[in-house]
Amino acid sequence: MNPTLVFFIIILCSTSISICLADNDNLQDACPTNTTVTRMVFINGFPCKNPSSISSTDFTTSNLKHAGDTDNFLHSSVNIVTAADFPGLNTLGLSIARTDLDLDGMVMPHSHPRASELFFVRKGIVLAGFIDTNNTLFESLINEGDVFLFPRGLLHFCVNAGYEPAIAFSVMNSQNPGVVSIGGAVFETDKLLIDKIVRRLISVRGTNMANFSKIHIQ
């Protein structure tokens, strides 16, 4: 092949790659969600506010200040705040969440297809874990101030393993992480896995976990 042609192809490819990668980062300091417009064109994210109308309130939220309603079958509540509710998150690839676990409360196995999750325990003792693609269980008893990592797309759960209500906060690396819930009928098929978690809880609490046993096959 003509050396001149080879050189031209290399230069062309290098230039193309640079062009493709040039706009990966934000092109402005911030892009708070414009919640006042009706979406006529659907894009990968939300429309931005006019820069002249951005204020400090766009970067502050009180949506995680109060406990969620745990008066339900699982005695738990999860509140995920995304760029739709917290304008300052738009284009930053972040979302946040609060988890409240009443005594014996649990969050059933679920996954976030677009995000990994850092799970920080603010109060109480929580058994947190995830199941990888080899059906291996990774779990840890985490106390106040501890952080547990749920990798992207993997089934994960948490259970209150203490004697008082527990509170946890999460940060996820997507402004819209998504939630795929796994029904009890699916998860309960692996009774060995459930039994392992229950035995772990009994070793910590020294008592049966009435709520967790609900996901066993009856």
N, C-alpha and C. Protein backbone atom coordinates (compact mmCIF):
# COMPACT_ATOMS: atom_id res chain seq x y z
N MET A 1 0.84 -1.19 0.00
CA MET A 1 0.00 0.00 0.00
C MET A 1 0.88 1.24 0.00
N ASN A 2 0.40 2.25 -0.69
CA ASN A 2 1.13 3.50 -0.78
C ASN A 2 1.35 4.10 0.62
N PRO A 3 2.63 4.38 1.01
CA PRO A 3 2.92 4.94 2.33
C PRO A 3 2.17 6.24 2.60
N THR A 4 1.99 7.04 1.58
CA THR A 4 1.27 8.31 1.75
C THR A 4 -0.19 8.06 2.12
N LEU A 5 -0.79 7.03 1.49
CA LEU A 5 -2.18 6.69 1.77
C LEU A 5 -2.33 6.16 3.20
N VAL A 6 -1.37 5.32 3.63
CA VAL A 6 -1.39 4.79 4.99
C VAL A 6 -1.32 5.92 6.00
N PHE A 7 -0.42 6.87 5.75
CA PHE A 7 -0.27 8.02 6.66
C PHE A 7 -1.57 8.83 6.73
N PHE A 8 -2.20 9.01 5.57
CA PHE A 8 -3.45 9.77 5.52
C PHE A 8 -4.55 9.07 6.32
N ILE A 9 -4.63 7.74 6.20
CA ILE A 9 -5.66 6.98 6.93
C ILE A 9 -5.45 7.10 8.44
N ILE A 10 -4.16 7.02 8.87
CA ILE A 10 -3.86 7.13 10.29
C ILE A 10 -4.27 8.50 10.84
N ILE A 11 -3.94 9.54 10.10
CA ILE A 11 -4.29 10.91 10.52
C ILE A 11 -5.81 11.06 10.57
N LEU A 12 -6.50 10.51 9.57
CA LEU A 12 -7.96 10.62 9.51
C LEU A 12 -8.61 9.93 10.70
N CYS A 13 -8.13 8.71 11.03
CA CYS A 13 -8.68 7.94 12.15
C CYS A 13 -8.44 8.67 13.47
N SER A 14 -7.23 9.19 13.62
CA SER A 14 -6.89 9.90 14.86
C SER A 14 -7.78 11.11 15.04
N THR A 15 -8.01 11.84 13.97
CA THR A 15 -8.86 13.02 14.03
C THR A 15 -10.29 12.64 14.37
N SER A 16 -10.78 11.57 13.77
CA SER A 16 -12.16 11.12 14.00
C SER A 16 -12.35 10.72 15.46
N ILE A 17 -11.36 9.99 16.01
CA ILE A 17 -11.46 9.57 17.40
C ILE A 17 -11.49 10.78 18.32
N SER A 18 -10.66 11.76 18.04
CA SER A 18 -10.63 12.98 18.86
C SER A 18 -11.97 13.69 18.82
N ILE A 19 -12.57 13.74 17.64
CA ILE A 19 -13.86 14.40 17.50
C ILE A 19 -14.92 13.66 18.29
N CYS A 20 -14.90 12.34 18.27
CA CYS A 20 -15.90 11.54 18.97
C CYS A 20 -15.80 11.71 20.48
N LEU A 21 -14.57 11.89 20.97
CA LEU A 21 -14.37 11.94 22.42
C LEU A 21 -14.41 13.36 22.96
N ALA A 22 -14.52 14.35 22.09
CA ALA A 22 -14.36 15.73 22.53
C ALA A 22 -15.44 16.20 23.48
N ASP A 23 -16.67 15.70 23.33
CA ASP A 23 -17.79 16.23 24.10
C ASP A 23 -18.25 15.30 25.22
N ASN A 24 -17.36 14.46 25.74
CA ASN A 24 -17.74 13.56 26.82
C ASN A 24 -18.09 14.31 28.09
N ASP A 25 -17.36 15.38 28.39
CA ASP A 25 -17.59 16.13 29.61
C ASP A 25 -18.64 17.22 29.39
N ASN A 26 -19.16 17.73 30.53
CA ASN A 26 -20.13 18.83 30.43
C ASN A 26 -19.50 20.03 29.74
N LEU A 27 -20.32 20.76 28.99
CA LEU A 27 -19.84 21.92 28.27
C LEU A 27 -20.10 23.22 29.03
N GLN A 28 -20.67 23.09 30.24
CA GLN A 28 -20.91 24.25 31.09
C GLN A 28 -20.80 23.81 32.55
N ASP A 29 -20.74 24.78 33.45
CA ASP A 29 -20.54 24.46 34.86
C ASP A 29 -21.65 23.59 35.42
N ALA A 30 -22.87 23.89 35.08
CA ALA A 30 -24.02 23.15 35.60
C ALA A 30 -25.17 23.25 34.61
N CYS A 31 -26.11 22.29 34.74
CA CYS A 31 -27.23 22.24 33.80
C CYS A 31 -28.47 21.78 34.56
N PRO A 32 -28.94 22.57 35.55
CA PRO A 32 -30.11 22.16 36.34
C PRO A 32 -31.32 21.87 35.45
N THR A 33 -32.09 20.88 35.84
CA THR A 33 -33.28 20.49 35.07
C THR A 33 -34.29 21.63 35.00
N ASN A 34 -34.78 21.86 33.81
CA ASN A 34 -35.88 22.82 33.63
C ASN A 34 -37.18 22.06 33.82
N THR A 35 -37.78 22.20 34.99
CA THR A 35 -38.99 21.45 35.33
C THR A 35 -40.26 22.15 34.88
N THR A 36 -40.13 23.30 34.24
CA THR A 36 -41.32 24.07 33.87
C THR A 36 -41.76 23.85 32.44
N VAL A 37 -40.95 23.18 31.65
CA VAL A 37 -41.31 23.00 30.24
C VAL A 37 -41.91 21.63 30.00
N THR A 38 -42.80 21.56 29.03
CA THR A 38 -43.37 20.29 28.60
C THR A 38 -42.42 19.66 27.59
N ARG A 39 -42.04 18.42 27.83
CA ARG A 39 -41.06 17.76 26.96
C ARG A 39 -41.71 17.39 25.63
N MET A 40 -41.27 18.02 24.57
CA MET A 40 -41.73 17.70 23.23
C MET A 40 -40.71 16.84 22.49
N VAL A 41 -39.44 17.01 22.84
CA VAL A 41 -38.36 16.21 22.25
C VAL A 41 -37.72 15.42 23.38
N PHE A 42 -37.60 14.10 23.21
CA PHE A 42 -37.06 13.24 24.26
C PHE A 42 -35.57 13.01 24.02
N ILE A 43 -34.78 13.43 25.00
CA ILE A 43 -33.33 13.33 24.91
C ILE A 43 -32.83 12.47 26.05
N ASN A 44 -31.54 12.18 26.04
CA ASN A 44 -30.93 11.36 27.08
C ASN A 44 -30.60 12.23 28.29
N GLY A 45 -31.63 12.59 29.02
CA GLY A 45 -31.49 13.50 30.15
C GLY A 45 -32.67 14.44 30.19
N PHE A 46 -32.47 15.63 30.73
CA PHE A 46 -33.54 16.62 30.80
C PHE A 46 -33.06 17.95 30.21
N PRO A 47 -33.99 18.75 29.69
CA PRO A 47 -33.61 20.08 29.20
C PRO A 47 -33.04 20.93 30.34
N CYS A 48 -32.13 21.81 30.02
CA CYS A 48 -31.49 22.65 31.02
C CYS A 48 -32.23 23.97 31.19
N LYS A 49 -32.11 24.54 32.37
CA LYS A 49 -32.63 25.87 32.62
C LYS A 49 -31.78 26.90 31.88
N ASN A 50 -32.37 28.04 31.63
CA ASN A 50 -31.60 29.16 31.12
C ASN A 50 -30.55 29.54 32.16
N PRO A 51 -29.27 29.62 31.79
CA PRO A 51 -28.21 29.93 32.76
C PRO A 51 -28.51 31.16 33.61
N SER A 52 -29.24 32.12 33.06
CA SER A 52 -29.53 33.34 33.81
C SER A 52 -30.53 33.11 34.94
N SER A 53 -31.24 31.96 34.91
CA SER A 53 -32.24 31.68 35.94
C SER A 53 -31.78 30.65 36.96
N ILE A 54 -30.55 30.17 36.84
CA ILE A 54 -30.02 29.20 37.80
C ILE A 54 -29.77 29.89 39.15
N SER A 55 -30.15 29.20 40.24
CA SER A 55 -29.94 29.75 41.58
C SER A 55 -29.45 28.64 42.51
N SER A 56 -29.06 29.03 43.71
CA SER A 56 -28.53 28.06 44.67
C SER A 56 -29.56 27.02 45.08
N THR A 57 -30.85 27.34 44.95
CA THR A 57 -31.89 26.38 45.31
C THR A 57 -31.90 25.16 44.39
N ASP A 58 -31.34 25.32 43.17
CA ASP A 58 -31.26 24.19 42.25
C ASP A 58 -30.31 23.11 42.76
N PHE A 59 -29.43 23.47 43.69
CA PHE A 59 -28.41 22.54 44.16
C PHE A 59 -28.65 22.12 45.61
N THR A 60 -29.87 22.32 46.08
CA THR A 60 -30.24 21.96 47.45
C THR A 60 -31.55 21.18 47.42
N THR A 61 -31.65 20.13 48.24
CA THR A 61 -32.89 19.38 48.35
C THR A 61 -33.14 18.96 49.79
N SER A 62 -34.40 18.90 50.16
CA SER A 62 -34.79 18.40 51.48
C SER A 62 -35.60 17.11 51.35
N ASN A 63 -35.55 16.50 50.15
CA ASN A 63 -36.37 15.32 49.88
C ASN A 63 -35.98 14.09 50.70
N LEU A 64 -34.77 14.10 51.27
CA LEU A 64 -34.32 12.95 52.07
C LEU A 64 -34.28 13.28 53.55
N LYS A 65 -34.85 14.40 53.92
CA LYS A 65 -34.77 14.87 55.30
C LYS A 65 -35.64 14.05 56.25
N HIS A 66 -36.78 13.61 55.76
CA HIS A 66 -37.75 12.93 56.62
C HIS A 66 -37.80 11.43 56.32
N ALA A 67 -38.11 10.67 57.36
CA ALA A 67 -38.20 9.21 57.22
C ALA A 67 -39.36 8.83 56.31
N GLY A 68 -39.17 7.73 55.58
CA GLY A 68 -40.24 7.23 54.74
C GLY A 68 -41.24 6.42 55.55
N ASP A 69 -42.32 6.04 54.90
CA ASP A 69 -43.38 5.27 55.55
C ASP A 69 -43.00 3.80 55.56
N THR A 70 -42.74 3.26 56.75
CA THR A 70 -42.35 1.84 56.88
C THR A 70 -43.52 0.98 57.34
N ASP A 71 -44.73 1.53 57.31
CA ASP A 71 -45.91 0.78 57.74
C ASP A 71 -46.41 -0.06 56.57
N ASN A 72 -45.64 -1.09 56.25
CA ASN A 72 -45.98 -1.96 55.13
C ASN A 72 -45.48 -3.38 55.42
N PHE A 73 -45.71 -4.27 54.48
CA PHE A 73 -45.39 -5.69 54.66
C PHE A 73 -43.93 -5.92 54.98
N LEU A 74 -43.02 -5.15 54.35
CA LEU A 74 -41.58 -5.34 54.53
C LEU A 74 -40.98 -4.43 55.59
N HIS A 75 -41.79 -3.55 56.17
CA HIS A 75 -41.31 -2.62 57.20
C HIS A 75 -40.11 -1.81 56.71
N SER A 76 -40.20 -1.32 55.48
CA SER A 76 -39.08 -0.57 54.91
C SER A 76 -39.59 0.49 53.95
N SER A 77 -38.71 1.45 53.66
CA SER A 77 -39.04 2.50 52.70
C SER A 77 -37.77 2.93 52.00
N VAL A 78 -37.84 3.09 50.68
CA VAL A 78 -36.71 3.58 49.89
C VAL A 78 -37.17 4.76 49.06
N ASN A 79 -36.49 5.88 49.19
CA ASN A 79 -36.82 7.09 48.45
C ASN A 79 -35.61 7.48 47.60
N ILE A 80 -35.73 7.32 46.28
CA ILE A 80 -34.64 7.67 45.35
C ILE A 80 -34.92 9.03 44.75
N VAL A 81 -33.95 9.92 44.84
CA VAL A 81 -34.08 11.27 44.30
C VAL A 81 -33.19 11.39 43.07
N THR A 82 -33.79 11.69 41.94
CA THR A 82 -33.06 11.81 40.67
C THR A 82 -33.10 13.25 40.18
N ALA A 83 -32.58 13.46 38.99
CA ALA A 83 -32.55 14.81 38.41
C ALA A 83 -33.95 15.34 38.13
N ALA A 84 -34.94 14.45 38.09
CA ALA A 84 -36.32 14.90 37.88
C ALA A 84 -36.84 15.67 39.09
N ASP A 85 -36.30 15.33 40.28
CA ASP A 85 -36.74 15.97 41.52
C ASP A 85 -35.71 16.92 42.10
N PHE A 86 -34.45 16.72 41.72
CA PHE A 86 -33.34 17.52 42.24
C PHE A 86 -32.61 18.10 41.03
N PRO A 87 -33.01 19.28 40.55
CA PRO A 87 -32.53 19.83 39.28
C PRO A 87 -31.01 19.85 39.13
N GLY A 88 -30.28 20.13 40.22
CA GLY A 88 -28.83 20.26 40.13
C GLY A 88 -28.12 19.00 39.71
N LEU A 89 -28.78 17.84 39.79
CA LEU A 89 -28.15 16.58 39.42
C LEU A 89 -28.07 16.37 37.91
N ASN A 90 -28.85 17.12 37.17
CA ASN A 90 -28.92 16.91 35.73
C ASN A 90 -27.55 17.01 35.07
N THR A 91 -27.21 16.01 34.27
CA THR A 91 -25.97 15.85 33.49
C THR A 91 -24.76 15.48 34.35
N LEU A 92 -24.91 15.34 35.66
CA LEU A 92 -23.76 15.04 36.52
C LEU A 92 -23.59 13.54 36.78
N GLY A 93 -24.53 12.73 36.34
CA GLY A 93 -24.40 11.29 36.51
C GLY A 93 -24.52 10.83 37.95
N LEU A 94 -25.40 11.48 38.72
CA LEU A 94 -25.56 11.15 40.13
C LEU A 94 -27.03 11.10 40.51
N SER A 95 -27.36 10.26 41.48
CA SER A 95 -28.64 10.29 42.16
C SER A 95 -28.41 9.85 43.59
N ILE A 96 -29.36 10.14 44.46
CA ILE A 96 -29.21 9.84 45.88
C ILE A 96 -30.47 9.16 46.38
N ALA A 97 -30.35 8.48 47.52
CA ALA A 97 -31.50 7.76 48.06
C ALA A 97 -31.42 7.66 49.57
N ARG A 98 -32.57 7.49 50.19
CA ARG A 98 -32.66 7.23 51.62
C ARG A 98 -33.42 5.93 51.83
N THR A 99 -32.88 5.08 52.70
CA THR A 99 -33.53 3.82 53.05
C THR A 99 -33.83 3.83 54.54
N ASP A 100 -35.08 3.57 54.89
CA ASP A 100 -35.51 3.45 56.28
C ASP A 100 -35.94 2.01 56.53
N LEU A 101 -35.39 1.42 57.58
CA LEU A 101 -35.69 0.04 57.93
C LEU A 101 -36.20 0.00 59.36
N ASP A 102 -37.45 -0.36 59.53
CA ASP A 102 -37.98 -0.55 60.87
C ASP A 102 -37.41 -1.84 61.44
N LEU A 103 -37.72 -2.17 62.67
CA LEU A 103 -37.21 -3.39 63.28
C LEU A 103 -37.59 -4.60 62.42
N ASP A 104 -36.59 -5.39 62.06
CA ASP A 104 -36.76 -6.56 61.17
C ASP A 104 -37.14 -6.16 59.74
N GLY A 105 -37.03 -4.90 59.41
CA GLY A 105 -37.37 -4.46 58.06
C GLY A 105 -36.35 -4.90 57.03
N MET A 106 -36.77 -5.00 55.79
CA MET A 106 -35.89 -5.44 54.71
C MET A 106 -36.24 -4.75 53.41
N VAL A 107 -35.26 -4.67 52.53
CA VAL A 107 -35.47 -4.26 51.14
C VAL A 107 -35.20 -5.50 50.31
N MET A 108 -36.21 -5.96 49.61
CA MET A 108 -36.10 -7.19 48.83
C MET A 108 -35.08 -7.05 47.70
N PRO A 109 -34.51 -8.17 47.24
CA PRO A 109 -33.52 -8.12 46.17
C PRO A 109 -34.00 -7.36 44.94
N HIS A 110 -33.16 -6.48 44.46
CA HIS A 110 -33.45 -5.67 43.28
C HIS A 110 -32.13 -5.25 42.66
N SER A 111 -32.17 -4.63 41.51
CA SER A 111 -30.94 -4.18 40.86
C SER A 111 -31.17 -2.81 40.23
N HIS A 112 -30.06 -2.12 39.98
CA HIS A 112 -30.09 -0.85 39.26
C HIS A 112 -29.30 -1.05 37.96
N PRO A 113 -29.98 -1.15 36.83
CA PRO A 113 -29.29 -1.50 35.58
C PRO A 113 -28.29 -0.46 35.09
N ARG A 114 -28.40 0.78 35.58
CA ARG A 114 -27.52 1.82 35.06
C ARG A 114 -26.60 2.41 36.12
N ALA A 115 -26.50 1.79 37.31
CA ALA A 115 -25.70 2.43 38.35
C ALA A 115 -25.17 1.43 39.38
N SER A 116 -23.96 1.72 39.87
CA SER A 116 -23.46 1.12 41.09
C SER A 116 -23.93 1.99 42.25
N GLU A 117 -23.94 1.41 43.45
CA GLU A 117 -24.50 2.12 44.60
C GLU A 117 -23.56 2.04 45.81
N LEU A 118 -23.26 3.20 46.39
CA LEU A 118 -22.54 3.27 47.65
C LEU A 118 -23.58 3.44 48.75
N PHE A 119 -23.62 2.47 49.66
CA PHE A 119 -24.67 2.39 50.69
C PHE A 119 -24.05 2.73 52.05
N PHE A 120 -24.43 3.89 52.61
CA PHE A 120 -23.84 4.41 53.84
C PHE A 120 -24.86 4.31 54.98
N VAL A 121 -24.49 3.60 56.05
CA VAL A 121 -25.39 3.45 57.19
C VAL A 121 -25.24 4.64 58.12
N ARG A 122 -26.32 5.38 58.29
CA ARG A 122 -26.33 6.55 59.17
C ARG A 122 -26.68 6.17 60.61
N LYS A 123 -27.56 5.16 60.75
CA LYS A 123 -28.00 4.75 62.08
C LYS A 123 -28.37 3.28 62.06
N GLY A 124 -27.99 2.56 63.12
CA GLY A 124 -28.39 1.17 63.24
C GLY A 124 -27.35 0.18 62.73
N ILE A 125 -27.80 -1.07 62.63
CA ILE A 125 -26.97 -2.17 62.13
C ILE A 125 -27.72 -2.84 60.99
N VAL A 126 -27.06 -2.98 59.86
CA VAL A 126 -27.72 -3.50 58.66
C VAL A 126 -26.90 -4.63 58.06
N LEU A 127 -27.58 -5.70 57.68
CA LEU A 127 -26.96 -6.76 56.89
C LEU A 127 -27.21 -6.43 55.43
N ALA A 128 -26.16 -6.16 54.67
CA ALA A 128 -26.28 -5.81 53.27
C ALA A 128 -25.52 -6.81 52.42
N GLY A 129 -26.02 -7.09 51.24
CA GLY A 129 -25.33 -8.05 50.39
C GLY A 129 -25.80 -8.00 48.95
N PHE A 130 -25.05 -8.67 48.09
CA PHE A 130 -25.44 -8.79 46.69
C PHE A 130 -25.07 -10.18 46.19
N ILE A 131 -25.69 -10.56 45.08
CA ILE A 131 -25.46 -11.87 44.47
C ILE A 131 -24.87 -11.63 43.09
N ASP A 132 -23.70 -12.24 42.81
CA ASP A 132 -23.08 -12.01 41.51
C ASP A 132 -23.64 -12.96 40.46
N THR A 133 -23.08 -12.92 39.26
CA THR A 133 -23.61 -13.71 38.15
C THR A 133 -23.32 -15.20 38.30
N ASN A 134 -22.48 -15.57 39.26
CA ASN A 134 -22.23 -16.98 39.56
C ASN A 134 -23.10 -17.47 40.72
N ASN A 135 -24.09 -16.64 41.10
CA ASN A 135 -24.98 -16.94 42.22
C ASN A 135 -24.24 -17.05 43.54
N THR A 136 -23.13 -16.31 43.66
CA THR A 136 -22.36 -16.26 44.91
C THR A 136 -22.84 -15.08 45.74
N LEU A 137 -23.08 -15.33 47.01
CA LEU A 137 -23.55 -14.29 47.91
C LEU A 137 -22.38 -13.59 48.58
N PHE A 138 -22.36 -12.25 48.50
CA PHE A 138 -21.39 -11.43 49.21
C PHE A 138 -22.19 -10.56 50.19
N GLU A 139 -21.99 -10.75 51.48
CA GLU A 139 -22.75 -9.98 52.45
C GLU A 139 -21.86 -9.53 53.59
N SER A 140 -22.29 -8.47 54.26
CA SER A 140 -21.51 -7.92 55.36
C SER A 140 -22.43 -7.24 56.35
N LEU A 141 -22.09 -7.36 57.61
CA LEU A 141 -22.82 -6.67 58.67
C LEU A 141 -22.18 -5.29 58.82
N ILE A 142 -22.94 -4.25 58.51
CA ILE A 142 -22.37 -2.91 58.53
C ILE A 142 -23.03 -2.07 59.62
N ASN A 143 -22.19 -1.34 60.33
CA ASN A 143 -22.63 -0.52 61.45
C ASN A 143 -22.67 0.95 61.07
N GLU A 144 -23.09 1.77 62.00
CA GLU A 144 -23.16 3.21 61.76
C GLU A 144 -21.82 3.76 61.28
N GLY A 145 -21.84 4.45 60.17
CA GLY A 145 -20.62 5.02 59.59
C GLY A 145 -19.96 4.15 58.55
N ASP A 146 -20.41 2.89 58.42
CA ASP A 146 -19.83 1.98 57.43
C ASP A 146 -20.47 2.18 56.06
N VAL A 147 -19.74 1.77 55.02
CA VAL A 147 -20.22 1.88 53.65
C VAL A 147 -20.08 0.53 52.97
N PHE A 148 -21.10 0.14 52.21
CA PHE A 148 -21.07 -1.10 51.44
C PHE A 148 -21.33 -0.75 49.98
N LEU A 149 -20.68 -1.48 49.07
CA LEU A 149 -20.80 -1.22 47.64
C LEU A 149 -21.65 -2.29 46.96
N PHE A 150 -22.67 -1.85 46.23
CA PHE A 150 -23.46 -2.74 45.38
C PHE A 150 -23.05 -2.49 43.93
N PRO A 151 -22.39 -3.46 43.28
CA PRO A 151 -21.97 -3.25 41.89
C PRO A 151 -23.15 -3.09 40.94
N ARG A 152 -22.91 -2.41 39.88
CA ARG A 152 -23.94 -2.11 38.87
C ARG A 152 -24.60 -3.37 38.34
N GLY A 153 -25.93 -3.34 38.31
CA GLY A 153 -26.70 -4.40 37.67
C GLY A 153 -26.88 -5.67 38.46
N LEU A 154 -26.25 -5.80 39.65
CA LEU A 154 -26.35 -7.04 40.42
C LEU A 154 -27.47 -6.96 41.46
N LEU A 155 -28.11 -8.08 41.69
CA LEU A 155 -29.15 -8.15 42.71
C LEU A 155 -28.55 -7.84 44.07
N HIS A 156 -29.21 -6.96 44.84
CA HIS A 156 -28.74 -6.66 46.18
C HIS A 156 -29.91 -6.44 47.12
N PHE A 157 -29.63 -6.47 48.41
CA PHE A 157 -30.69 -6.38 49.42
C PHE A 157 -30.10 -5.82 50.70
N CYS A 158 -30.95 -5.47 51.65
CA CYS A 158 -30.49 -5.09 52.98
C CYS A 158 -31.58 -5.44 54.00
N VAL A 159 -31.13 -5.76 55.21
CA VAL A 159 -32.04 -6.17 56.29
C VAL A 159 -31.58 -5.50 57.57
N ASN A 160 -32.53 -5.00 58.35
CA ASN A 160 -32.20 -4.44 59.66
C ASN A 160 -31.82 -5.58 60.59
N ALA A 161 -30.56 -5.61 61.02
CA ALA A 161 -30.08 -6.68 61.88
C ALA A 161 -29.90 -6.21 63.32
N GLY A 162 -30.35 -5.00 63.62
CA GLY A 162 -30.20 -4.47 64.96
C GLY A 162 -31.50 -4.52 65.75
N TYR A 163 -31.54 -3.75 66.82
CA TYR A 163 -32.70 -3.74 67.71
C TYR A 163 -33.41 -2.40 67.71
N GLU A 164 -33.12 -1.57 66.71
CA GLU A 164 -33.76 -0.27 66.57
C GLU A 164 -33.89 0.04 65.09
N PRO A 165 -34.73 1.02 64.74
CA PRO A 165 -34.84 1.40 63.32
C PRO A 165 -33.48 1.82 62.76
N ALA A 166 -33.26 1.51 61.50
CA ALA A 166 -32.00 1.83 60.84
C ALA A 166 -32.25 2.81 59.69
N ILE A 167 -31.24 3.66 59.44
CA ILE A 167 -31.32 4.64 58.36
C ILE A 167 -30.04 4.53 57.53
N ALA A 168 -30.20 4.54 56.22
CA ALA A 168 -29.04 4.51 55.33
C ALA A 168 -29.25 5.49 54.18
N PHE A 169 -28.15 6.05 53.70
CA PHE A 169 -28.19 6.94 52.54
C PHE A 169 -27.31 6.34 51.44
N SER A 170 -27.72 6.54 50.20
CA SER A 170 -26.98 5.98 49.07
C SER A 170 -26.66 7.05 48.04
N VAL A 171 -25.55 6.84 47.34
CA VAL A 171 -25.20 7.64 46.18
C VAL A 171 -25.00 6.69 45.01
N MET A 172 -25.64 6.98 43.88
CA MET A 172 -25.54 6.13 42.69
C MET A 172 -24.98 6.94 41.53
N ASN A 173 -24.17 6.29 40.71
CA ASN A 173 -23.48 7.01 39.64
C ASN A 173 -24.28 7.03 38.34
N SER A 174 -25.54 7.41 38.46
CA SER A 174 -26.40 7.65 37.31
C SER A 174 -27.49 8.62 37.75
N GLN A 175 -27.86 9.55 36.88
CA GLN A 175 -28.93 10.46 37.27
C GLN A 175 -30.30 9.80 37.12
N ASN A 176 -30.31 8.59 36.55
CA ASN A 176 -31.54 7.81 36.46
C ASN A 176 -31.17 6.33 36.52
N PRO A 177 -30.88 5.82 37.74
CA PRO A 177 -30.32 4.46 37.88
C PRO A 177 -31.28 3.35 37.48
N GLY A 178 -32.58 3.59 37.60
CA GLY A 178 -33.55 2.55 37.32
C GLY A 178 -33.60 1.52 38.43
N VAL A 179 -34.73 0.86 38.56
CA VAL A 179 -34.90 -0.19 39.57
C VAL A 179 -35.60 -1.37 38.93
N VAL A 180 -34.96 -2.53 39.02
CA VAL A 180 -35.58 -3.78 38.57
C VAL A 180 -35.85 -4.61 39.80
N SER A 181 -37.11 -4.74 40.18
CA SER A 181 -37.48 -5.49 41.37
C SER A 181 -37.65 -6.96 41.03
N ILE A 182 -37.16 -7.79 41.94
CA ILE A 182 -37.30 -9.24 41.77
C ILE A 182 -38.35 -9.74 42.74
N GLY A 183 -39.44 -10.29 42.21
CA GLY A 183 -40.52 -10.77 43.06
C GLY A 183 -40.08 -11.93 43.93
N GLY A 184 -40.77 -12.07 45.07
CA GLY A 184 -40.45 -13.16 45.99
C GLY A 184 -40.52 -14.53 45.35
N ALA A 185 -41.42 -14.68 44.38
CA ALA A 185 -41.57 -15.98 43.73
C ALA A 185 -40.32 -16.37 42.96
N VAL A 186 -39.54 -15.38 42.51
CA VAL A 186 -38.30 -15.67 41.79
C VAL A 186 -37.18 -15.95 42.77
N PHE A 187 -37.01 -15.06 43.74
CA PHE A 187 -35.87 -15.18 44.64
C PHE A 187 -35.99 -16.37 45.57
N GLU A 188 -37.23 -16.75 45.96
CA GLU A 188 -37.39 -17.80 46.94
C GLU A 188 -37.03 -19.18 46.40
N THR A 189 -36.81 -19.30 45.09
CA THR A 189 -36.47 -20.60 44.54
C THR A 189 -35.13 -21.10 45.04
N ASP A 190 -34.23 -20.20 45.41
CA ASP A 190 -32.93 -20.60 45.92
C ASP A 190 -32.97 -20.62 47.44
N LYS A 191 -33.51 -21.69 48.00
CA LYS A 191 -33.72 -21.75 49.45
C LYS A 191 -32.40 -21.82 50.20
N LEU A 192 -31.36 -22.40 49.59
CA LEU A 192 -30.07 -22.47 50.26
C LEU A 192 -29.52 -21.07 50.51
N LEU A 193 -29.71 -20.19 49.52
CA LEU A 193 -29.25 -18.82 49.67
C LEU A 193 -30.03 -18.10 50.76
N ILE A 194 -31.34 -18.27 50.78
CA ILE A 194 -32.18 -17.66 51.81
C ILE A 194 -31.78 -18.17 53.19
N ASP A 195 -31.60 -19.48 53.29
CA ASP A 195 -31.24 -20.07 54.59
C ASP A 195 -29.91 -19.52 55.08
N LYS A 196 -28.97 -19.28 54.17
CA LYS A 196 -27.67 -18.75 54.57
C LYS A 196 -27.82 -17.35 55.16
N ILE A 197 -28.66 -16.54 54.52
CA ILE A 197 -28.88 -15.19 55.03
C ILE A 197 -29.58 -15.22 56.38
N VAL A 198 -30.60 -16.08 56.51
CA VAL A 198 -31.33 -16.19 57.77
C VAL A 198 -30.41 -16.65 58.90
N ARG A 199 -29.55 -17.65 58.60
CA ARG A 199 -28.62 -18.12 59.64
C ARG A 199 -27.68 -17.01 60.07
N ARG A 200 -27.26 -16.19 59.11
CA ARG A 200 -26.38 -15.07 59.43
C ARG A 200 -27.09 -14.09 60.37
N LEU A 201 -28.36 -13.81 60.08
CA LEU A 201 -29.12 -12.90 60.92
C LEU A 201 -29.34 -13.47 62.31
N ILE A 202 -29.61 -14.76 62.38
CA ILE A 202 -29.82 -15.39 63.68
C ILE A 202 -28.55 -15.34 64.51
N SER A 203 -27.39 -15.50 63.86
CA SER A 203 -26.13 -15.45 64.59
C SER A 203 -25.87 -14.06 65.16
N VAL A 204 -26.42 -13.06 64.49
CA VAL A 204 -26.25 -11.68 64.97
C VAL A 204 -27.29 -11.33 66.01
N ARG A 205 -28.53 -11.67 65.74
CA ARG A 205 -29.64 -11.26 66.60
C ARG A 205 -29.95 -12.27 67.69
N GLY A 206 -29.58 -13.53 67.47
CA GLY A 206 -29.89 -14.57 68.44
C GLY A 206 -31.36 -14.89 68.50
N THR A 207 -32.07 -14.60 67.41
CA THR A 207 -33.51 -14.85 67.38
C THR A 207 -33.93 -15.07 65.94
N ASN A 208 -35.14 -15.61 65.75
CA ASN A 208 -35.65 -15.80 64.40
C ASN A 208 -36.06 -14.47 63.79
N MET A 209 -35.85 -14.35 62.48
CA MET A 209 -36.23 -13.14 61.76
C MET A 209 -37.59 -13.40 61.12
N ALA A 210 -38.64 -12.97 61.80
CA ALA A 210 -39.99 -13.29 61.34
C ALA A 210 -40.27 -12.74 59.96
N ASN A 211 -39.88 -11.52 59.69
CA ASN A 211 -40.18 -10.92 58.39
C ASN A 211 -39.40 -11.58 57.27
N PHE A 212 -38.13 -11.88 57.50
CA PHE A 212 -37.32 -12.44 56.44
C PHE A 212 -37.80 -13.83 56.03
N SER A 213 -38.36 -14.56 56.99
CA SER A 213 -38.83 -15.91 56.68
C SER A 213 -40.05 -15.87 55.76
N LYS A 214 -40.65 -14.71 55.56
CA LYS A 214 -41.82 -14.61 54.70
C LYS A 214 -41.51 -14.93 53.24
N ILE A 215 -40.23 -14.82 52.84
CA ILE A 215 -39.93 -15.06 51.45
C ILE A 215 -39.55 -16.52 51.18
N HIS A 216 -39.69 -17.36 52.20
CA HIS A 216 -39.53 -18.79 51.98
C HIS A 216 -40.75 -19.35 51.25
N ILE A 217 -40.54 -20.44 50.57
CA ILE A 217 -41.67 -21.13 49.94
C ILE A 217 -42.55 -21.71 51.04
N GLN A 218 -43.84 -21.37 50.97
CA GLN A 218 -44.76 -21.85 52.00
C GLN A 218 -45.23 -23.26 51.65
